[in-house]
Amino acid sequence: MVAYVRAGAALYDLGVIPVAVYGSGHDGDAYDPAKAGVLEAVGVPYLGPGRALDEAVLRELRPDVVVDVTYDGKSPYALDAALVERLGVPLVALSVGNELDLPAVLDRFAALAAGLRIDGREGAGPEGVGAEATEPGAADPAAPVPVVVGSDAVGPEIVTPVTASPATGPGQGAALAEFEAAEAALREAAARSGLGVLALSGAGPEQVHLARPHAWPELAWLAGLGVRLLDPGPGPGANWLTADWVRAAALRPDLVLFDNREHATPPYALPGGVRLAPWNPETPPSPAAYARFFRDLAEALAP
């Protein structure tokens, strides 16, 4: 399996190791530490931006499936579908857009990971180095329905929605328990603080992208946990309102979640006393990754 780095980091957390990963148009020739999870540390090769992938290199890797994400439900986010079609392997692009809530996004990645393991396409999981993969086709009445990724099913969204627990897979019971505990900690911190939180992505000293909370599954979920997220108000843009830093300051945030990916710039010109906390808009969709984010945010909200 070759995957977009966000998807690959999530699948690693869920017990499936990519052969290699690639970035998006925002990424350079090296891993973005904010997006990589532990992939670089465990030696998963990074191939560079997806739309600049060398087809010959990809063929040498002989992937049996390519996994990407989609925001519009129509096309893969980080690479050209035609490239994968020429390889003759399945392309799976799982939605991370706002038509799904965060648990549904996590469920789809868990179901895909379970399907890849059942189909024998996994490597060694983070807690199962050297473990044998399940034989393809082996019956296991306790296992979730495998995700079908047939060789002819090349398209942006070929995984039938499956209701599956994010706990599916080696070691995931503990990860799900930590996710639920982190939710509880964040709910308590949000109730005590009442701080107004603004999520944004810096684009230089003159420009900033202000996140619309309802457009992001994780931000909408934070709101449901009681975090008082600030909406930037009317204007163009479905996911972001692009404005200047004066507009951001006018919203009077108590805490700013700033985009910590390498292509984003640090916050500029915010009022004194505003708290800052990093936010990765491409957090790997796994219970473990979101548990860490929730814990960090709960600490940032604490008095």
Protein backbone atom coordinates (compact mmCIF):
# COMPACT_ATOMS: atom_id res chain seq x y z
CA MET A 1 0.00 0.00 0.00
CA VAL A 2 1.11 3.52 -0.88
CA ALA A 3 -0.81 6.35 0.78
CA TYR A 4 -1.15 10.08 1.13
CA VAL A 5 0.80 10.98 4.26
CA ARG A 6 -2.29 11.86 6.32
CA ALA A 7 -3.97 8.57 5.44
CA GLY A 8 -0.75 6.61 5.90
CA ALA A 9 -0.18 8.00 9.38
CA ALA A 10 -3.72 7.05 10.39
CA LEU A 11 -3.44 3.56 8.96
CA TYR A 12 -0.14 3.04 10.78
CA ASP A 13 -1.88 3.94 14.03
CA LEU A 14 -4.54 1.37 13.08
CA GLY A 15 -2.03 -1.43 12.48
CA VAL A 16 -1.29 -1.23 8.73
CA ILE A 17 2.14 -0.03 7.56
CA PRO A 18 2.42 1.75 4.19
CA VAL A 19 5.21 0.79 1.81
CA ALA A 20 5.65 4.53 1.18
CA VAL A 21 3.72 7.79 1.45
CA TYR A 22 3.44 11.00 -0.58
CA GLY A 23 2.49 14.59 0.17
CA SER A 24 0.13 17.21 -1.22
CA GLY A 25 0.73 20.33 -3.28
CA HIS A 26 1.50 22.16 -0.03
CA ASP A 27 4.38 19.80 0.76
CA GLY A 28 8.00 19.78 -0.30
CA ASP A 29 10.60 17.10 -0.84
CA ALA A 30 10.82 16.12 2.83
CA TYR A 31 8.30 15.10 5.47
CA ASP A 32 6.25 17.83 7.13
CA PRO A 33 6.68 16.88 10.82
CA ALA A 34 3.15 18.07 11.65
CA LYS A 35 1.63 15.61 9.17
CA ALA A 36 3.97 12.65 9.42
CA GLY A 37 2.95 11.17 12.76
CA VAL A 38 5.58 8.52 13.47
CA LEU A 39 6.07 7.51 9.83
CA GLU A 40 9.46 9.17 9.42
CA ALA A 41 10.69 7.80 12.75
CA VAL A 42 9.83 4.21 11.78
CA GLY A 43 11.44 4.55 8.36
CA VAL A 44 8.47 4.71 5.97
CA PRO A 45 9.82 6.35 2.78
CA TYR A 46 8.40 9.70 1.67
CA LEU A 47 8.08 10.16 -2.11
CA GLY A 48 7.44 13.91 -2.32
CA PRO A 49 4.29 15.72 -3.52
CA GLY A 50 1.70 13.39 -5.00
CA ARG A 51 1.13 15.30 -8.22
CA ALA A 52 4.87 15.16 -8.97
CA LEU A 53 5.26 11.42 -8.30
CA ASP A 54 7.65 9.55 -10.57
CA GLU A 55 5.55 6.83 -12.17
CA ALA A 56 8.58 4.55 -12.57
CA VAL A 57 9.36 4.79 -8.85
CA LEU A 58 5.76 4.02 -8.00
CA ARG A 59 5.79 0.98 -10.29
CA GLU A 60 8.94 -0.32 -8.61
CA LEU A 61 7.12 -0.23 -5.26
CA ARG A 62 4.38 -2.46 -6.73
CA PRO A 63 1.57 -1.20 -4.48
CA ASP A 64 -1.58 -3.29 -4.41
CA VAL A 65 -3.68 -0.27 -3.40
CA VAL A 66 -3.24 3.51 -3.19
CA VAL A 67 -5.03 5.35 -0.37
CA ASP A 68 -5.82 9.07 -0.49
CA VAL A 69 -8.42 11.38 1.02
CA THR A 70 -11.11 13.46 -0.66
CA TYR A 71 -12.73 16.70 0.42
CA ASP A 72 -15.29 16.97 -2.38
CA GLY A 73 -16.30 13.31 -2.60
CA LYS A 74 -15.33 13.29 -6.28
CA SER A 75 -11.57 13.28 -6.64
CA PRO A 76 -8.48 12.33 -4.64
CA TYR A 77 -6.91 15.26 -2.87
CA ALA A 78 -3.18 14.77 -3.31
CA LEU A 79 -2.48 12.95 -6.57
CA ASP A 80 -3.84 12.43 -10.08
CA ALA A 81 -6.27 9.53 -10.38
CA ALA A 82 -4.99 8.92 -13.93
CA LEU A 83 -1.58 7.95 -12.56
CA VAL A 84 -3.08 5.22 -10.38
CA GLU A 85 -5.29 4.09 -13.24
CA ARG A 86 -2.21 3.59 -15.41
CA LEU A 87 -0.73 1.42 -12.67
CA GLY A 88 -3.83 -0.77 -12.76
CA VAL A 89 -4.31 -0.82 -8.98
CA PRO A 90 -7.26 0.30 -6.84
CA LEU A 91 -7.44 3.88 -5.63
CA VAL A 92 -9.28 4.44 -2.34
CA ALA A 93 -10.04 8.04 -1.39
CA LEU A 94 -11.81 8.31 1.95
CA SER A 95 -13.86 11.42 2.64
CA VAL A 96 -12.64 13.81 5.32
CA GLY A 97 -15.12 16.54 4.36
CA ASN A 98 -17.90 18.09 6.36
CA GLU A 99 -20.60 15.71 5.14
CA LEU A 100 -19.31 13.34 7.83
CA ASP A 101 -18.85 13.89 11.55
CA LEU A 102 -15.55 12.97 13.17
CA PRO A 103 -16.62 9.50 14.43
CA ALA A 104 -17.79 8.60 10.91
CA VAL A 105 -14.41 9.65 9.48
CA LEU A 106 -12.64 7.54 12.10
CA ASP A 107 -14.96 4.60 11.43
CA ARG A 108 -14.17 4.61 7.72
CA PHE A 109 -10.43 4.54 8.32
CA ALA A 110 -10.88 1.77 10.88
CA ALA A 111 -12.96 -0.22 8.41
CA LEU A 112 -10.37 0.24 5.68
CA ALA A 113 -7.56 -0.86 7.99
CA ALA A 114 -9.57 -3.92 9.00
CA GLY A 115 -10.24 -4.73 5.35
CA LEU A 116 -6.58 -4.42 4.41
CA ARG A 117 -5.59 -6.72 7.26
CA ILE A 118 -8.23 -9.31 6.36
CA ASP A 119 -7.12 -9.15 2.73
CA GLY A 120 -3.55 -9.82 3.79
CA ARG A 121 -2.26 -6.41 2.67
CA GLU A 122 -0.87 -5.26 5.99
CA GLY A 123 2.71 -5.12 7.13
CA ALA A 124 3.53 -5.24 10.80
CA GLY A 125 1.38 -3.14 13.05
CA PRO A 126 2.74 -0.80 15.70
CA GLU A 127 2.10 -3.46 18.33
CA GLY A 128 2.49 -6.52 16.13
CA VAL A 129 5.92 -6.46 14.51
CA GLY A 130 6.43 -9.72 12.69
CA ALA A 131 2.82 -10.85 13.13
CA GLU A 132 1.40 -12.95 10.33
CA ALA A 133 -1.28 -11.34 8.20
CA THR A 134 -4.68 -12.96 8.03
CA GLU A 135 -4.88 -15.24 5.02
CA PRO A 136 -6.95 -13.68 2.21
CA GLY A 137 -10.46 -15.00 2.34
CA ALA A 138 -10.08 -16.58 5.75
CA ALA A 139 -13.39 -16.64 7.58
CA ASP A 140 -13.54 -14.88 10.92
CA PRO A 141 -17.06 -14.40 12.24
CA ALA A 142 -15.83 -11.85 14.80
CA ALA A 143 -14.10 -9.67 12.21
CA PRO A 144 -15.75 -6.66 10.55
CA VAL A 145 -16.88 -6.90 6.95
CA PRO A 146 -13.78 -6.35 4.81
CA VAL A 147 -13.59 -3.27 2.66
CA VAL A 148 -13.74 -4.24 -1.00
CA VAL A 149 -10.95 -2.74 -3.06
CA GLY A 150 -11.20 -4.66 -6.31
CA SER A 151 -8.64 -4.03 -9.06
CA ASP A 152 -11.29 -2.57 -11.37
CA ALA A 153 -12.70 -0.22 -8.77
CA VAL A 154 -10.52 2.76 -9.55
CA GLY A 155 -12.25 5.89 -8.36
CA PRO A 156 -12.27 8.56 -5.70
CA GLU A 157 -14.57 6.82 -3.23
CA ILE A 158 -14.82 3.07 -3.69
CA VAL A 159 -15.33 2.06 -0.09
CA THR A 160 -18.93 1.35 0.77
CA PRO A 161 -19.75 3.11 4.07
CA VAL A 162 -19.28 0.58 6.85
CA THR A 163 -20.26 0.96 10.48
CA ALA A 164 -17.17 -0.19 12.33
CA SER A 165 -15.65 0.61 15.67
CA PRO A 166 -12.36 2.50 15.69
CA ALA A 167 -11.28 -0.09 18.24
CA THR A 168 -10.97 -2.72 15.49
CA GLY A 169 -7.42 -3.96 15.12
CA PRO A 170 -4.34 -4.76 17.19
CA GLY A 171 -4.04 -2.54 20.23
CA GLN A 172 -6.99 -0.34 19.28
CA GLY A 173 -9.05 -1.06 22.39
CA ALA A 174 -6.58 1.00 24.42
CA ALA A 175 -6.52 3.73 21.76
CA LEU A 176 -10.30 4.03 21.78
CA ALA A 177 -10.36 4.16 25.59
CA GLU A 178 -7.79 6.97 25.50
CA PHE A 179 -9.84 8.79 22.85
CA GLU A 180 -12.93 8.67 25.05
CA ALA A 181 -10.94 9.75 28.11
CA ALA A 182 -9.47 12.67 26.15
CA GLU A 183 -12.98 13.68 25.04
CA ALA A 184 -14.10 13.72 28.68
CA ALA A 185 -11.06 15.78 29.73
CA LEU A 186 -11.68 18.30 26.96
CA ARG A 187 -15.39 18.55 27.76
CA GLU A 188 -14.55 19.32 31.38
CA ALA A 189 -11.86 21.87 30.45
CA ALA A 190 -14.18 23.63 28.00
CA ALA A 191 -16.98 23.86 30.57
CA ARG A 192 -14.64 25.40 33.14
CA SER A 193 -12.88 27.89 30.87
CA GLY A 194 -15.52 29.29 28.52
CA LEU A 195 -12.70 30.70 26.38
CA GLY A 196 -13.44 31.80 22.82
CA VAL A 197 -11.31 29.75 20.41
CA LEU A 198 -10.38 30.80 16.87
CA ALA A 199 -8.82 28.31 14.45
CA LEU A 200 -6.72 29.80 11.68
CA SER A 201 -3.96 29.24 9.15
CA GLY A 202 -1.40 32.00 8.70
CA ALA A 203 -0.57 33.06 5.15
CA GLY A 204 1.96 35.82 5.87
CA PRO A 205 1.90 39.20 7.60
CA GLU A 206 -0.94 40.51 5.44
CA GLN A 207 -3.27 37.54 5.18
CA VAL A 208 -4.81 34.81 7.29
CA HIS A 209 -7.31 32.03 6.63
CA LEU A 210 -9.96 31.86 9.36
CA ALA A 211 -11.58 28.44 9.77
CA ARG A 212 -15.33 28.05 9.62
CA PRO A 213 -15.98 25.58 12.47
CA HIS A 214 -18.97 23.83 10.86
CA ALA A 215 -16.86 23.02 7.77
CA TRP A 216 -14.34 20.86 9.64
CA PRO A 217 -15.41 17.55 11.20
CA GLU A 218 -12.96 17.90 14.10
CA LEU A 219 -13.85 21.53 14.82
CA ALA A 220 -17.56 20.76 14.71
CA TRP A 221 -16.88 17.89 17.13
CA LEU A 222 -15.00 20.25 19.45
CA ALA A 223 -18.04 22.51 19.47
CA GLY A 224 -20.16 19.54 20.43
CA LEU A 225 -17.82 18.92 23.35
CA GLY A 226 -18.46 22.46 24.55
CA VAL A 227 -15.48 24.33 23.09
CA ARG A 228 -16.65 27.87 22.24
CA LEU A 229 -15.38 28.19 18.69
CA LEU A 230 -15.57 31.57 17.00
CA ASP A 231 -17.05 31.85 13.51
CA PRO A 232 -15.34 34.41 11.24
CA GLY A 233 -18.67 35.57 9.86
CA PRO A 234 -20.00 36.15 6.34
CA GLY A 235 -17.79 36.22 3.29
CA PRO A 236 -16.44 34.00 0.52
CA GLY A 237 -14.96 30.58 1.15
CA ALA A 238 -16.57 27.34 2.29
CA ASN A 239 -13.88 26.13 4.72
CA TRP A 240 -11.91 29.31 5.30
CA LEU A 241 -12.61 33.03 5.26
CA THR A 242 -9.49 34.73 3.92
CA ALA A 243 -8.96 38.08 5.61
CA ASP A 244 -6.28 40.21 7.24
CA TRP A 245 -4.99 39.94 10.79
CA VAL A 246 -7.08 42.93 11.83
CA ARG A 247 -10.18 40.84 11.11
CA ALA A 248 -8.78 37.99 13.20
CA ALA A 249 -8.03 40.33 16.13
CA ALA A 250 -11.51 41.87 15.87
CA LEU A 251 -13.03 38.51 16.75
CA ARG A 252 -11.36 38.88 20.18
CA PRO A 253 -10.24 35.28 20.63
CA ASP A 254 -9.00 34.11 24.00
CA LEU A 255 -7.15 31.20 22.42
CA VAL A 256 -5.93 30.77 18.85
CA LEU A 257 -5.50 27.35 17.30
CA PHE A 258 -2.83 28.06 14.70
CA ASP A 259 -2.02 25.84 11.74
CA ASN A 260 1.35 24.25 12.51
CA ARG A 261 1.98 22.67 9.12
CA GLU A 262 5.23 23.78 7.49
CA HIS A 263 3.59 25.79 4.69
CA ALA A 264 1.62 27.94 7.16
CA THR A 265 3.12 31.01 8.83
CA PRO A 266 3.07 31.86 12.55
CA PRO A 267 0.34 34.13 13.93
CA TYR A 268 0.84 37.86 13.43
CA ALA A 269 -0.59 40.94 15.14
CA LEU A 270 -2.83 39.32 17.72
CA PRO A 271 -3.81 41.18 20.88
CA GLY A 272 -1.61 40.68 23.93
CA GLY A 273 -2.67 37.89 26.26
CA VAL A 274 -4.11 35.65 23.55
CA ARG A 275 -3.17 32.04 24.19
CA LEU A 276 -1.71 30.01 21.34
CA ALA A 277 -1.99 26.28 20.69
CA PRO A 278 -0.92 24.32 17.59
CA TRP A 279 -3.52 22.73 15.33
CA ASN A 280 -2.92 20.40 12.42
CA PRO A 281 -5.88 20.67 10.00
CA GLU A 282 -4.71 17.31 8.65
CA THR A 283 -4.54 15.36 11.88
CA PRO A 284 -4.33 11.64 11.00
CA PRO A 285 -7.86 10.19 11.28
CA SER A 286 -7.17 7.73 14.07
CA PRO A 287 -8.39 7.62 17.67
CA ALA A 288 -4.79 7.84 18.93
CA ALA A 289 -4.00 11.01 16.97
CA TYR A 290 -7.19 12.79 17.96
CA ALA A 291 -6.78 11.76 21.59
CA ARG A 292 -3.44 13.58 21.61
CA PHE A 293 -4.99 16.67 20.04
CA PHE A 294 -7.88 16.70 22.53
CA ARG A 295 -5.48 16.33 25.48
CA ASP A 296 -3.30 19.18 24.21
CA LEU A 297 -6.31 21.44 23.71
CA ALA A 298 -7.65 20.61 27.18
CA GLU A 299 -4.31 21.71 28.64
CA ALA A 300 -4.37 24.92 26.59
CA LEU A 301 -7.86 25.75 27.91
CA ALA A 302 -6.93 25.12 31.54
CA PRO A 303 -6.68 28.17 33.84
